[in-house]
Amino acid sequence: MGCPSQIGVFSVADTELSEFWGEFEHGVDDKGRVVIPADFRAGLGEEFVVTRGPDHSVLVLPIPVWNRIAEQLKDRLLQSDGDLLQRMLGGRAIVRLDPQFRLAIPKHLREWANISQSYAAVLSGQGRKIEIWNKANWDKFMASERTIYEAAANLGIDPMVAS
């Protein structure tokens, strides 16, 4: 099975199948459960990982993607950025959907992301990961001053590639 931080046995080819795109809004019930959209279910597999994400979101990752992250972090024990990432991601949980396709978000992650019945949850597919946000935080993030063109330029992506 590899190192103890790895879960499951998957090949690199498995990660190629898991792509998530789209944005969905769902209510959160009194037990902290949110429905995972049909578009996302197949790529997650029976079990998957949830952990803290950037900007107080919750990351949802297929196990092969998690294994790649865990492998990269395990040897960075004494590096400050590695230490920070290990602390952030160390709260990961292995989860599965219930028969109604709901994800029970663990309490420590609900608290991190301020996810509760008070706000809808936004599920945003972003390639190899899904982020779950409190709707108010999502709206605030999306209203930020940074533009899509600035973000694309920072990553070396030509935003006019489709023209």
N, C-alpha and C. Protein backbone atom coordinates (compact mmCIF):
# COMPACT_ATOMS: atom_id res chain seq x y z
N MET A 1 0.80 -1.20 0.00
CA MET A 1 0.00 0.00 0.00
C MET A 1 0.84 1.25 0.00
N GLY A 2 2.15 1.15 0.09
CA GLY A 2 2.95 2.36 0.11
C GLY A 2 3.12 2.88 1.52
N CYS A 3 3.37 4.18 1.63
CA CYS A 3 3.59 4.78 2.95
C CYS A 3 2.28 4.89 3.71
N PRO A 4 2.32 5.02 5.05
CA PRO A 4 1.11 5.07 5.84
C PRO A 4 0.20 6.24 5.52
N SER A 5 0.74 7.31 4.92
CA SER A 5 -0.10 8.45 4.59
C SER A 5 -0.93 8.22 3.33
N GLN A 6 -0.64 7.14 2.63
CA GLN A 6 -1.39 6.85 1.42
C GLN A 6 -2.59 5.96 1.75
N ILE A 7 -3.60 6.08 0.92
CA ILE A 7 -4.83 5.34 1.12
C ILE A 7 -5.18 4.65 -0.18
N GLY A 8 -5.54 3.40 -0.12
CA GLY A 8 -6.00 2.71 -1.31
C GLY A 8 -4.87 2.38 -2.26
N VAL A 9 -5.21 1.63 -3.28
CA VAL A 9 -4.23 1.26 -4.29
C VAL A 9 -4.80 1.70 -5.63
N PHE A 10 -4.20 2.73 -6.22
CA PHE A 10 -4.67 3.27 -7.48
C PHE A 10 -3.48 3.51 -8.38
N SER A 11 -3.70 3.44 -9.65
CA SER A 11 -2.63 3.75 -10.59
C SER A 11 -2.75 5.20 -11.03
N VAL A 12 -1.70 5.70 -11.64
CA VAL A 12 -1.73 7.08 -12.14
C VAL A 12 -2.87 7.25 -13.13
N ALA A 13 -3.18 6.23 -13.89
CA ALA A 13 -4.26 6.32 -14.87
C ALA A 13 -5.59 6.66 -14.20
N ASP A 14 -5.81 6.21 -12.96
CA ASP A 14 -7.05 6.51 -12.25
C ASP A 14 -7.23 8.01 -12.08
N THR A 15 -6.14 8.74 -11.82
CA THR A 15 -6.24 10.17 -11.60
C THR A 15 -6.63 10.90 -12.88
N GLU A 16 -6.32 10.32 -14.02
CA GLU A 16 -6.65 10.96 -15.29
C GLU A 16 -8.16 10.99 -15.52
N LEU A 17 -8.90 10.09 -14.87
CA LEU A 17 -10.34 10.02 -15.06
C LEU A 17 -11.10 11.03 -14.20
N SER A 18 -10.47 11.54 -13.17
CA SER A 18 -11.16 12.38 -12.21
C SER A 18 -10.99 13.86 -12.53
N GLU A 19 -11.95 14.40 -13.24
CA GLU A 19 -11.97 15.83 -13.50
C GLU A 19 -13.34 16.34 -13.11
N PHE A 20 -13.32 17.48 -12.43
CA PHE A 20 -14.55 18.05 -11.90
C PHE A 20 -14.68 19.49 -12.39
N TRP A 21 -15.79 19.78 -13.04
CA TRP A 21 -16.06 21.13 -13.51
C TRP A 21 -17.52 21.45 -13.22
N GLY A 22 -17.79 22.66 -12.88
CA GLY A 22 -19.15 23.11 -12.63
C GLY A 22 -19.29 23.72 -11.25
N GLU A 23 -20.39 24.40 -11.07
CA GLU A 23 -20.68 25.07 -9.80
C GLU A 23 -22.13 24.76 -9.42
N PHE A 24 -22.30 24.32 -8.18
CA PHE A 24 -23.61 23.92 -7.71
C PHE A 24 -23.85 24.52 -6.33
N GLU A 25 -25.09 24.80 -6.04
CA GLU A 25 -25.46 25.33 -4.73
C GLU A 25 -26.47 24.38 -4.11
N HIS A 26 -26.20 23.96 -2.87
CA HIS A 26 -27.09 23.04 -2.16
C HIS A 26 -27.24 23.49 -0.71
N GLY A 27 -28.38 23.15 -0.13
CA GLY A 27 -28.58 23.41 1.29
C GLY A 27 -27.76 22.43 2.13
N VAL A 28 -27.57 22.80 3.38
CA VAL A 28 -26.87 21.96 4.35
C VAL A 28 -27.88 21.59 5.42
N ASP A 29 -27.96 20.30 5.78
CA ASP A 29 -28.94 19.90 6.79
C ASP A 29 -28.38 20.06 8.20
N ASP A 30 -29.18 19.74 9.20
CA ASP A 30 -28.79 19.95 10.60
C ASP A 30 -27.65 19.04 11.05
N LYS A 31 -27.30 18.04 10.26
CA LYS A 31 -26.17 17.17 10.58
C LYS A 31 -24.93 17.51 9.77
N GLY A 32 -24.97 18.64 9.08
CA GLY A 32 -23.81 19.06 8.29
C GLY A 32 -23.63 18.28 7.01
N ARG A 33 -24.72 17.76 6.46
CA ARG A 33 -24.64 16.98 5.22
C ARG A 33 -25.06 17.84 4.03
N VAL A 34 -24.37 17.62 2.92
CA VAL A 34 -24.67 18.31 1.68
C VAL A 34 -24.69 17.28 0.56
N VAL A 35 -25.61 17.44 -0.37
CA VAL A 35 -25.72 16.52 -1.51
C VAL A 35 -24.58 16.80 -2.49
N ILE A 36 -23.93 15.75 -2.91
CA ILE A 36 -22.88 15.86 -3.93
C ILE A 36 -23.55 15.69 -5.29
N PRO A 37 -23.39 16.66 -6.18
CA PRO A 37 -24.05 16.59 -7.49
C PRO A 37 -23.65 15.35 -8.29
N ALA A 38 -24.57 14.86 -9.09
CA ALA A 38 -24.33 13.67 -9.91
C ALA A 38 -23.08 13.83 -10.79
N ASP A 39 -22.83 15.05 -11.28
CA ASP A 39 -21.67 15.30 -12.13
C ASP A 39 -20.35 14.99 -11.43
N PHE A 40 -20.32 15.01 -10.10
CA PHE A 40 -19.08 14.81 -9.34
C PHE A 40 -18.93 13.40 -8.80
N ARG A 41 -19.99 12.64 -8.68
CA ARG A 41 -19.96 11.37 -7.94
C ARG A 41 -19.03 10.33 -8.52
N ALA A 42 -19.10 10.08 -9.81
CA ALA A 42 -18.31 8.99 -10.40
C ALA A 42 -16.81 9.22 -10.22
N GLY A 43 -16.37 10.45 -10.36
CA GLY A 43 -14.94 10.74 -10.25
C GLY A 43 -14.39 10.63 -8.84
N LEU A 44 -15.26 10.65 -7.84
CA LEU A 44 -14.79 10.58 -6.46
C LEU A 44 -14.48 9.16 -6.01
N GLY A 45 -15.16 8.18 -6.56
CA GLY A 45 -15.00 6.81 -6.09
C GLY A 45 -15.83 6.58 -4.84
N GLU A 46 -15.78 5.36 -4.31
CA GLU A 46 -16.58 5.03 -3.12
C GLU A 46 -16.11 5.77 -1.89
N GLU A 47 -14.81 5.90 -1.74
CA GLU A 47 -14.22 6.66 -0.63
C GLU A 47 -13.37 7.77 -1.22
N PHE A 48 -13.31 8.89 -0.51
CA PHE A 48 -12.51 10.02 -0.94
C PHE A 48 -12.09 10.81 0.28
N VAL A 49 -11.31 11.85 0.07
CA VAL A 49 -10.72 12.62 1.16
C VAL A 49 -11.33 14.01 1.19
N VAL A 50 -11.62 14.49 2.41
CA VAL A 50 -11.97 15.90 2.62
C VAL A 50 -10.96 16.47 3.60
N THR A 51 -10.59 17.72 3.39
CA THR A 51 -9.61 18.38 4.25
C THR A 51 -9.77 19.90 4.14
N ARG A 52 -9.01 20.62 4.96
CA ARG A 52 -9.05 22.08 4.91
C ARG A 52 -8.54 22.56 3.55
N GLY A 53 -9.20 23.59 3.05
CA GLY A 53 -8.78 24.18 1.79
C GLY A 53 -8.42 25.65 1.98
N PRO A 54 -7.96 26.28 0.91
CA PRO A 54 -7.59 27.69 1.00
C PRO A 54 -8.82 28.58 1.24
N ASP A 55 -8.58 29.72 1.86
CA ASP A 55 -9.63 30.72 2.07
C ASP A 55 -10.83 30.17 2.82
N HIS A 56 -10.58 29.25 3.73
CA HIS A 56 -11.63 28.65 4.57
C HIS A 56 -12.68 27.91 3.75
N SER A 57 -12.20 27.14 2.79
CA SER A 57 -13.07 26.22 2.05
C SER A 57 -12.73 24.81 2.52
N VAL A 58 -13.50 23.84 2.03
CA VAL A 58 -13.22 22.43 2.28
C VAL A 58 -12.83 21.82 0.93
N LEU A 59 -11.69 21.13 0.90
CA LEU A 59 -11.25 20.45 -0.32
C LEU A 59 -11.80 19.03 -0.33
N VAL A 60 -12.27 18.59 -1.47
CA VAL A 60 -12.73 17.23 -1.70
C VAL A 60 -11.84 16.66 -2.79
N LEU A 61 -11.16 15.54 -2.47
CA LEU A 61 -10.16 14.99 -3.38
C LEU A 61 -10.35 13.49 -3.56
N PRO A 62 -10.29 13.01 -4.80
CA PRO A 62 -10.25 11.56 -5.00
C PRO A 62 -8.99 11.02 -4.32
N ILE A 63 -9.02 9.80 -3.88
CA ILE A 63 -7.88 9.22 -3.17
C ILE A 63 -6.60 9.26 -4.00
N PRO A 64 -6.61 8.97 -5.30
CA PRO A 64 -5.35 9.05 -6.05
C PRO A 64 -4.73 10.45 -6.03
N VAL A 65 -5.56 11.48 -6.06
CA VAL A 65 -5.05 12.85 -6.00
C VAL A 65 -4.49 13.11 -4.60
N TRP A 66 -5.20 12.69 -3.56
CA TRP A 66 -4.70 12.84 -2.19
C TRP A 66 -3.35 12.14 -2.04
N ASN A 67 -3.23 10.93 -2.57
CA ASN A 67 -1.98 10.18 -2.44
C ASN A 67 -0.80 10.94 -3.04
N ARG A 68 -1.02 11.60 -4.15
CA ARG A 68 0.04 12.40 -4.77
C ARG A 68 0.46 13.55 -3.86
N ILE A 69 -0.52 14.22 -3.25
CA ILE A 69 -0.23 15.34 -2.34
C ILE A 69 0.51 14.82 -1.11
N ALA A 70 0.01 13.75 -0.51
CA ALA A 70 0.62 13.19 0.70
C ALA A 70 2.07 12.77 0.43
N GLU A 71 2.31 12.19 -0.72
CA GLU A 71 3.66 11.76 -1.08
C GLU A 71 4.61 12.95 -1.16
N GLN A 72 4.13 14.04 -1.71
CA GLN A 72 4.98 15.23 -1.84
C GLN A 72 5.25 15.89 -0.48
N LEU A 73 4.32 15.78 0.44
CA LEU A 73 4.47 16.45 1.74
C LEU A 73 5.26 15.66 2.76
N LYS A 74 5.31 14.36 2.64
CA LYS A 74 5.86 13.54 3.72
C LYS A 74 7.33 13.81 4.01
N ASP A 75 8.11 14.27 3.05
CA ASP A 75 9.53 14.52 3.27
C ASP A 75 9.85 15.99 3.56
N ARG A 76 8.87 16.78 3.83
CA ARG A 76 9.08 18.21 4.05
C ARG A 76 8.83 18.58 5.52
N LEU A 77 9.24 17.71 6.42
CA LEU A 77 8.95 17.87 7.84
C LEU A 77 9.48 19.15 8.45
N LEU A 78 10.66 19.57 8.06
CA LEU A 78 11.30 20.70 8.72
C LEU A 78 11.33 21.95 7.84
N GLN A 79 10.58 21.98 6.79
CA GLN A 79 10.50 23.16 5.94
C GLN A 79 9.25 23.92 6.33
N SER A 80 9.39 25.24 6.50
CA SER A 80 8.26 26.02 7.04
C SER A 80 6.99 25.91 6.19
N ASP A 81 7.11 26.02 4.89
CA ASP A 81 5.91 25.91 4.05
C ASP A 81 5.35 24.50 4.08
N GLY A 82 6.24 23.50 4.09
CA GLY A 82 5.78 22.12 4.19
C GLY A 82 5.08 21.87 5.51
N ASP A 83 5.62 22.45 6.59
CA ASP A 83 5.01 22.31 7.91
C ASP A 83 3.61 22.92 7.92
N LEU A 84 3.47 24.09 7.33
CA LEU A 84 2.16 24.73 7.26
C LEU A 84 1.17 23.86 6.50
N LEU A 85 1.59 23.35 5.34
CA LEU A 85 0.69 22.50 4.55
C LEU A 85 0.33 21.22 5.29
N GLN A 86 1.30 20.63 5.99
CA GLN A 86 1.00 19.42 6.76
C GLN A 86 -0.03 19.70 7.84
N ARG A 87 0.07 20.83 8.50
CA ARG A 87 -0.92 21.18 9.52
C ARG A 87 -2.29 21.42 8.91
N MET A 88 -2.30 22.11 7.77
CA MET A 88 -3.58 22.38 7.10
C MET A 88 -4.24 21.08 6.64
N LEU A 89 -3.44 20.22 6.02
CA LEU A 89 -3.99 19.02 5.41
C LEU A 89 -4.05 17.83 6.37
N GLY A 90 -3.41 17.98 7.53
CA GLY A 90 -3.38 16.88 8.50
C GLY A 90 -4.75 16.55 9.07
N GLY A 91 -5.68 17.44 8.96
CA GLY A 91 -7.04 17.19 9.46
C GLY A 91 -7.91 16.45 8.46
N ARG A 92 -7.30 15.80 7.50
CA ARG A 92 -8.07 15.13 6.46
C ARG A 92 -8.90 13.99 7.05
N ALA A 93 -9.99 13.71 6.37
CA ALA A 93 -10.84 12.59 6.76
C ALA A 93 -11.18 11.79 5.51
N ILE A 94 -11.27 10.49 5.67
CA ILE A 94 -11.70 9.62 4.59
C ILE A 94 -13.21 9.45 4.76
N VAL A 95 -13.95 9.72 3.71
CA VAL A 95 -15.40 9.71 3.80
C VAL A 95 -16.00 8.96 2.62
N ARG A 96 -17.29 8.69 2.73
CA ARG A 96 -18.06 8.12 1.62
C ARG A 96 -19.44 8.75 1.68
N LEU A 97 -20.15 8.71 0.57
CA LEU A 97 -21.50 9.26 0.51
C LEU A 97 -22.49 8.28 1.13
N ASP A 98 -23.56 8.83 1.71
CA ASP A 98 -24.63 7.96 2.21
C ASP A 98 -25.52 7.55 1.03
N PRO A 99 -26.54 6.71 1.25
CA PRO A 99 -27.38 6.25 0.12
C PRO A 99 -28.12 7.37 -0.62
N GLN A 100 -28.27 8.53 0.02
CA GLN A 100 -28.92 9.67 -0.65
C GLN A 100 -27.90 10.61 -1.29
N PHE A 101 -26.66 10.13 -1.44
CA PHE A 101 -25.57 10.87 -2.08
C PHE A 101 -25.18 12.13 -1.31
N ARG A 102 -25.32 12.07 0.02
CA ARG A 102 -24.94 13.20 0.87
C ARG A 102 -23.57 12.95 1.48
N LEU A 103 -22.81 14.02 1.57
CA LEU A 103 -21.52 14.01 2.25
C LEU A 103 -21.73 14.61 3.63
N ALA A 104 -21.40 13.85 4.68
CA ALA A 104 -21.42 14.38 6.04
C ALA A 104 -20.06 15.03 6.28
N ILE A 105 -20.03 16.35 6.24
CA ILE A 105 -18.78 17.08 6.42
C ILE A 105 -18.39 17.01 7.90
N PRO A 106 -17.19 16.53 8.21
CA PRO A 106 -16.77 16.43 9.61
C PRO A 106 -16.84 17.79 10.31
N LYS A 107 -17.13 17.75 11.60
CA LYS A 107 -17.35 18.97 12.38
C LYS A 107 -16.18 19.95 12.28
N HIS A 108 -14.94 19.47 12.41
CA HIS A 108 -13.80 20.39 12.38
C HIS A 108 -13.69 21.11 11.02
N LEU A 109 -14.12 20.46 9.96
CA LEU A 109 -14.09 21.10 8.64
C LEU A 109 -15.27 22.05 8.45
N ARG A 110 -16.42 21.70 9.01
CA ARG A 110 -17.57 22.63 8.97
C ARG A 110 -17.21 23.92 9.71
N GLU A 111 -16.55 23.77 10.85
CA GLU A 111 -16.15 24.96 11.62
C GLU A 111 -15.12 25.78 10.84
N TRP A 112 -14.15 25.13 10.21
CA TRP A 112 -13.13 25.81 9.42
C TRP A 112 -13.77 26.64 8.31
N ALA A 113 -14.77 26.08 7.64
CA ALA A 113 -15.37 26.73 6.48
C ALA A 113 -16.66 27.48 6.82
N ASN A 114 -17.06 27.48 8.09
CA ASN A 114 -18.31 28.12 8.51
C ASN A 114 -19.50 27.59 7.72
N ILE A 115 -19.55 26.28 7.56
CA ILE A 115 -20.64 25.63 6.83
C ILE A 115 -21.68 25.17 7.84
N SER A 116 -22.91 25.65 7.63
CA SER A 116 -24.01 25.29 8.53
C SER A 116 -25.33 25.45 7.77
N GLN A 117 -26.41 25.17 8.47
CA GLN A 117 -27.74 25.34 7.88
C GLN A 117 -28.03 26.80 7.56
N SER A 118 -27.30 27.71 8.18
CA SER A 118 -27.57 29.14 8.01
C SER A 118 -27.30 29.63 6.58
N TYR A 119 -26.41 28.95 5.88
CA TYR A 119 -26.06 29.35 4.52
C TYR A 119 -26.08 28.13 3.61
N ALA A 120 -26.38 28.38 2.36
CA ALA A 120 -26.23 27.30 1.38
C ALA A 120 -24.74 27.01 1.21
N ALA A 121 -24.43 25.86 0.69
CA ALA A 121 -23.05 25.50 0.36
C ALA A 121 -22.88 25.60 -1.15
N VAL A 122 -21.74 26.09 -1.57
CA VAL A 122 -21.39 26.13 -2.98
C VAL A 122 -20.33 25.07 -3.22
N LEU A 123 -20.57 24.20 -4.19
CA LEU A 123 -19.62 23.17 -4.57
C LEU A 123 -19.06 23.55 -5.93
N SER A 124 -17.77 23.77 -5.99
CA SER A 124 -17.13 24.24 -7.20
C SER A 124 -16.11 23.21 -7.68
N GLY A 125 -16.38 22.62 -8.86
CA GLY A 125 -15.45 21.67 -9.45
C GLY A 125 -14.32 22.42 -10.12
N GLN A 126 -13.08 22.00 -9.82
CA GLN A 126 -11.91 22.72 -10.32
C GLN A 126 -10.85 21.74 -10.78
N GLY A 127 -11.17 21.03 -11.82
CA GLY A 127 -10.20 20.08 -12.36
C GLY A 127 -10.09 18.84 -11.51
N ARG A 128 -9.01 18.69 -10.79
CA ARG A 128 -8.77 17.49 -9.98
C ARG A 128 -9.34 17.58 -8.57
N LYS A 129 -9.98 18.70 -8.24
CA LYS A 129 -10.52 18.87 -6.89
C LYS A 129 -11.88 19.54 -6.93
N ILE A 130 -12.56 19.41 -5.81
CA ILE A 130 -13.82 20.12 -5.59
C ILE A 130 -13.61 20.95 -4.33
N GLU A 131 -14.10 22.19 -4.35
CA GLU A 131 -14.10 23.01 -3.15
C GLU A 131 -15.53 23.18 -2.69
N ILE A 132 -15.73 23.14 -1.37
CA ILE A 132 -17.04 23.42 -0.79
C ILE A 132 -16.89 24.69 0.04
N TRP A 133 -17.74 25.65 -0.23
CA TRP A 133 -17.69 26.95 0.42
C TRP A 133 -19.01 27.28 1.10
N ASN A 134 -18.94 28.05 2.14
CA ASN A 134 -20.09 28.74 2.69
C ASN A 134 -20.48 29.77 1.62
N LYS A 135 -21.76 29.88 1.29
CA LYS A 135 -22.23 30.74 0.20
C LYS A 135 -21.79 32.19 0.39
N ALA A 136 -21.88 32.71 1.60
CA ALA A 136 -21.49 34.11 1.85
C ALA A 136 -19.99 34.30 1.57
N ASN A 137 -19.16 33.35 2.00
CA ASN A 137 -17.72 33.44 1.73
C ASN A 137 -17.42 33.34 0.25
N TRP A 138 -18.15 32.46 -0.44
CA TRP A 138 -17.98 32.30 -1.89
C TRP A 138 -18.30 33.60 -2.61
N ASP A 139 -19.42 34.21 -2.25
CA ASP A 139 -19.82 35.46 -2.89
C ASP A 139 -18.77 36.55 -2.66
N LYS A 140 -18.25 36.61 -1.45
CA LYS A 140 -17.21 37.59 -1.13
C LYS A 140 -15.95 37.32 -1.95
N PHE A 141 -15.54 36.07 -2.02
CA PHE A 141 -14.36 35.70 -2.80
C PHE A 141 -14.54 36.06 -4.27
N MET A 142 -15.70 35.75 -4.82
CA MET A 142 -15.96 35.99 -6.23
C MET A 142 -16.05 37.49 -6.55
N ALA A 143 -16.36 38.31 -5.56
CA ALA A 143 -16.47 39.75 -5.76
C ALA A 143 -15.13 40.47 -5.57
N SER A 144 -14.06 39.71 -5.33
CA SER A 144 -12.76 40.33 -5.07
C SER A 144 -12.29 41.11 -6.30
N GLU A 145 -11.34 41.97 -6.08
CA GLU A 145 -10.84 42.87 -7.12
C GLU A 145 -10.00 42.16 -8.19
N ARG A 146 -9.48 41.00 -7.86
CA ARG A 146 -8.63 40.28 -8.81
C ARG A 146 -9.46 39.84 -10.01
N THR A 147 -8.92 39.99 -11.18
CA THR A 147 -9.67 39.61 -12.38
C THR A 147 -9.17 38.28 -12.92
N ILE A 148 -9.97 37.69 -13.75
CA ILE A 148 -9.60 36.44 -14.39
C ILE A 148 -8.38 36.64 -15.28
N TYR A 149 -8.24 37.83 -15.86
CA TYR A 149 -7.09 38.11 -16.72
C TYR A 149 -5.80 38.18 -15.91
N GLU A 150 -5.86 38.79 -14.72
CA GLU A 150 -4.67 38.84 -13.86
C GLU A 150 -4.27 37.45 -13.42
N ALA A 151 -5.25 36.64 -13.01
CA ALA A 151 -4.96 35.28 -12.57
C ALA A 151 -4.35 34.47 -13.71
N ALA A 152 -4.90 34.59 -14.90
CA ALA A 152 -4.37 33.86 -16.06
C ALA A 152 -2.94 34.31 -16.37
N ALA A 153 -2.69 35.60 -16.32
CA ALA A 153 -1.35 36.12 -16.60
C ALA A 153 -0.35 35.61 -15.56
N ASN A 154 -0.74 35.57 -14.29
CA ASN A 154 0.15 35.08 -13.22
C ASN A 154 0.53 33.62 -13.42
N LEU A 155 -0.34 32.85 -14.07
CA LEU A 155 -0.07 31.43 -14.33
C LEU A 155 0.53 31.19 -15.71
N GLY A 156 0.70 32.26 -16.48
CA GLY A 156 1.26 32.11 -17.81
C GLY A 156 0.27 31.54 -18.81
N ILE A 157 -1.02 31.75 -18.56
CA ILE A 157 -2.07 31.26 -19.46
C ILE A 157 -2.57 32.43 -20.30
N ASP A 158 -2.69 32.21 -21.58
CA ASP A 158 -3.21 33.23 -22.47
C ASP A 158 -4.73 33.21 -22.40
N PRO A 159 -5.36 34.24 -21.81
CA PRO A 159 -6.83 34.24 -21.68
C PRO A 159 -7.55 34.36 -23.02
N MET A 160 -6.82 34.70 -24.06
CA MET A 160 -7.44 34.86 -25.38
C MET A 160 -7.23 33.64 -26.25
N VAL A 161 -6.81 32.53 -25.67
CA VAL A 161 -6.47 31.33 -26.42
C VAL A 161 -7.67 30.81 -27.23
N ALA A 162 -8.88 31.08 -26.77
CA ALA A 162 -10.08 30.59 -27.46
C ALA A 162 -10.45 31.46 -28.66
N SER A 163 -9.84 32.63 -28.80
CA SER A 163 -10.25 33.52 -29.89
C SER A 163 -9.54 33.23 -31.18
